[in-house]
Amino acid sequence: MAVKVFISYSSKDGRRVKPIKDVLEKYPGLKIFFADDSFFPGDNIPERIKAEIEKCDYLFLFHSKNSLKSQWVQNEIGIAYGKSKTVVPILLDKAKPEGVIKTVTNYLDLTDKKKFDIAVNELLEVVRKKENEKNLSTGLLIISVIIIIGLIIWGNSK
């Protein structure tokens, strides 16, 4: 059974997020929705986004100063929470989380390598609890993917 991940990001951060999406797509068992690659001519974009979020298991939120200003990202967060989806906030920069995301206590902080290890351990506990309903190996796969996300970002930040 494929794990469906909706990647929420500001189009201004697309160049930073796309390499991560490319790596995620290589994992068997992961189905990724990434806006830049997923729309077809004639798509009703708001309806398609809503439908994809409804189908996803996780929404990976790439949080940044740009995503705070993006109405699309804010709408995606609202839909995900309204549908009780697991939102995984991934901090791309030092922008302070606002709104509903501010209440989340474990972010995957990719701005500081020291915080990354702590975030992964905390996130692992959250994913394990959720995945007990499904399949624990799925949760472990997600954690592995998140570690790779960190490695890609650190590698690209040199």
Protein backbone atom coordinates (compact mmCIF):
# COMPACT_ATOMS: atom_id res chain seq x y z
CA MET A 1 0.00 0.00 0.00
CA ALA A 2 1.52 3.31 -1.10
CA VAL A 3 1.98 6.14 1.36
CA LYS A 4 0.64 9.32 -0.18
CA VAL A 5 2.52 12.55 0.57
CA PHE A 6 1.28 15.99 -0.42
CA ILE A 7 4.15 18.49 -0.57
CA SER A 8 3.02 21.98 0.41
CA TYR A 9 5.44 24.80 -0.38
CA SER A 10 5.66 28.31 -1.74
CA SER A 11 6.45 28.44 -5.45
CA LYS A 12 9.27 30.81 -4.45
CA ASP A 13 10.89 27.87 -2.61
CA GLY A 14 10.37 25.44 -5.49
CA ARG A 15 14.07 25.29 -6.40
CA ARG A 16 14.92 24.19 -2.85
CA VAL A 17 12.05 21.73 -2.52
CA LYS A 18 12.14 20.07 -5.96
CA PRO A 19 15.41 18.13 -5.34
CA ILE A 20 13.84 16.71 -2.19
CA LYS A 21 10.74 15.71 -4.14
CA ASP A 22 12.95 14.05 -6.75
CA VAL A 23 14.58 11.87 -4.08
CA LEU A 24 11.23 11.04 -2.46
CA GLU A 25 9.88 9.81 -5.81
CA LYS A 26 12.64 7.20 -6.00
CA TYR A 27 11.29 5.39 -2.93
CA PRO A 28 8.98 2.52 -3.78
CA GLY A 29 5.82 2.77 -1.78
CA LEU A 30 5.69 6.58 -1.79
CA LYS A 31 3.31 8.50 -4.01
CA ILE A 32 4.14 12.21 -4.12
CA PHE A 33 1.90 15.11 -5.08
CA PHE A 34 4.03 18.09 -6.07
CA ALA A 35 2.14 20.97 -7.67
CA ASP A 36 4.77 21.94 -10.24
CA ASP A 37 4.64 18.44 -11.75
CA SER A 38 1.08 17.36 -11.10
CA PHE A 39 -1.38 19.62 -12.89
CA PHE A 40 -2.81 19.02 -16.32
CA PRO A 41 -4.37 21.51 -18.77
CA GLY A 42 -7.93 22.19 -17.75
CA ASP A 43 -7.52 21.07 -14.13
CA ASN A 44 -9.61 22.91 -11.59
CA ILE A 45 -6.61 23.67 -9.38
CA PRO A 46 -8.41 24.40 -6.08
CA GLU A 47 -10.56 21.26 -6.42
CA ARG A 48 -7.58 19.12 -7.42
CA ILE A 49 -5.55 20.34 -4.44
CA LYS A 50 -8.43 19.59 -2.09
CA ALA A 51 -8.88 16.10 -3.57
CA GLU A 52 -5.16 15.32 -3.33
CA ILE A 53 -4.99 16.44 0.30
CA GLU A 54 -8.04 14.32 1.10
CA LYS A 55 -6.23 11.28 -0.35
CA CYS A 56 -2.85 11.91 1.31
CA ASP A 57 -1.50 10.26 4.45
CA TYR A 58 0.92 13.09 5.21
CA LEU A 59 1.23 16.72 4.24
CA PHE A 60 4.88 17.77 4.26
CA LEU A 61 4.77 21.53 4.87
CA PHE A 62 7.95 23.28 3.79
CA HIS A 63 7.69 26.30 6.06
CA SER A 64 9.51 29.51 5.20
CA LYS A 65 9.03 33.25 5.07
CA ASN A 66 7.66 32.66 1.58
CA SER A 67 5.13 30.02 2.65
CA LEU A 68 3.80 32.39 5.30
CA LYS A 69 2.88 34.82 2.51
CA SER A 70 1.43 32.18 0.18
CA GLN A 71 -2.37 32.00 0.21
CA TRP A 72 -2.16 28.58 -1.47
CA VAL A 73 -0.01 27.17 1.33
CA GLN A 74 -2.29 28.62 3.98
CA ASN A 75 -5.33 27.08 2.27
CA GLU A 76 -3.57 23.70 2.02
CA ILE A 77 -2.81 23.77 5.75
CA GLY A 78 -6.46 24.55 6.49
CA ILE A 79 -7.73 21.73 4.31
CA ALA A 80 -5.26 19.25 5.84
CA TYR A 81 -6.22 20.12 9.40
CA GLY A 82 -9.90 20.13 8.48
CA LYS A 83 -9.49 16.57 7.18
CA SER A 84 -7.40 15.48 10.23
CA LYS A 85 -4.31 14.80 8.12
CA THR A 86 -0.87 14.49 9.66
CA VAL A 87 1.00 17.70 8.88
CA VAL A 88 4.80 17.47 9.10
CA PRO A 89 6.21 21.01 9.29
CA ILE A 90 9.71 21.23 7.82
CA LEU A 91 11.46 24.52 8.55
CA LEU A 92 13.46 25.85 5.60
CA ASP A 93 14.49 29.08 7.27
CA LYS A 94 14.15 30.94 10.57
CA ALA A 95 10.64 32.30 9.86
CA LYS A 96 8.53 31.87 12.99
CA PRO A 97 5.54 29.57 12.54
CA GLU A 98 2.20 31.35 12.73
CA GLY A 99 -1.45 30.36 12.96
CA VAL A 100 -2.32 26.68 13.43
CA ILE A 101 1.28 25.59 12.72
CA LYS A 102 2.42 27.64 15.73
CA THR A 103 0.69 25.11 17.99
CA VAL A 104 2.74 22.21 16.61
CA THR A 105 5.56 21.39 18.99
CA ASN A 106 7.81 19.21 16.87
CA TYR A 107 9.04 20.74 13.65
CA LEU A 108 11.65 19.16 11.47
CA ASP A 109 14.19 21.96 11.70
CA LEU A 110 16.44 21.90 8.65
CA THR A 111 18.06 25.21 9.57
CA ASP A 112 20.26 23.71 12.29
CA LYS A 113 21.94 20.30 12.07
CA LYS A 114 21.86 19.89 15.90
CA LYS A 115 18.07 20.34 16.05
CA PHE A 116 17.55 17.93 13.17
CA ASP A 117 18.46 14.84 15.24
CA ILE A 118 16.09 15.88 18.02
CA ALA A 119 13.29 16.61 15.56
CA VAL A 120 13.67 13.23 13.86
CA ASN A 121 13.44 11.38 17.20
CA GLU A 122 10.32 13.30 18.23
CA LEU A 123 8.76 12.87 14.81
CA LEU A 124 9.51 9.15 14.90
CA GLU A 125 7.37 8.82 18.03
CA VAL A 126 4.47 10.69 16.40
CA VAL A 127 4.70 8.62 13.22
CA ARG A 128 4.97 5.35 15.16
CA LYS A 129 1.77 6.12 17.07
CA LYS A 130 -0.09 6.92 13.86
CA GLU A 131 1.35 3.98 11.96
CA ASN A 132 0.32 1.44 14.58
CA GLU A 133 -3.08 1.76 12.94
CA LYS A 134 -1.57 0.90 9.56
CA ASN A 135 1.91 -0.45 9.10
CA LEU A 136 4.96 0.47 11.20
CA SER A 137 7.29 -0.01 8.26
CA THR A 138 5.55 2.92 6.57
CA GLY A 139 6.46 5.18 9.49
CA LEU A 140 10.06 4.05 9.38
CA LEU A 141 10.13 4.73 5.65
CA ILE A 142 8.88 8.27 6.24
CA ILE A 143 11.60 8.87 8.85
CA SER A 144 14.27 7.56 6.46
CA VAL A 145 12.98 9.89 3.78
CA ILE A 146 13.05 12.86 6.15
CA ILE A 147 16.66 12.15 7.05
CA ILE A 148 17.50 12.18 3.35
CA ILE A 149 15.67 15.51 3.01
CA GLY A 150 18.01 16.96 5.63
CA LEU A 151 21.07 15.60 3.87
CA ILE A 152 19.93 17.09 0.55
CA ILE A 153 19.28 20.51 2.05
CA TRP A 154 22.61 20.58 3.88
CA GLY A 155 24.38 19.42 0.74
CA ASN A 156 22.73 22.16 -1.33
CA SER A 157 23.43 24.88 1.23
CA LYS A 158 27.22 24.72 0.78
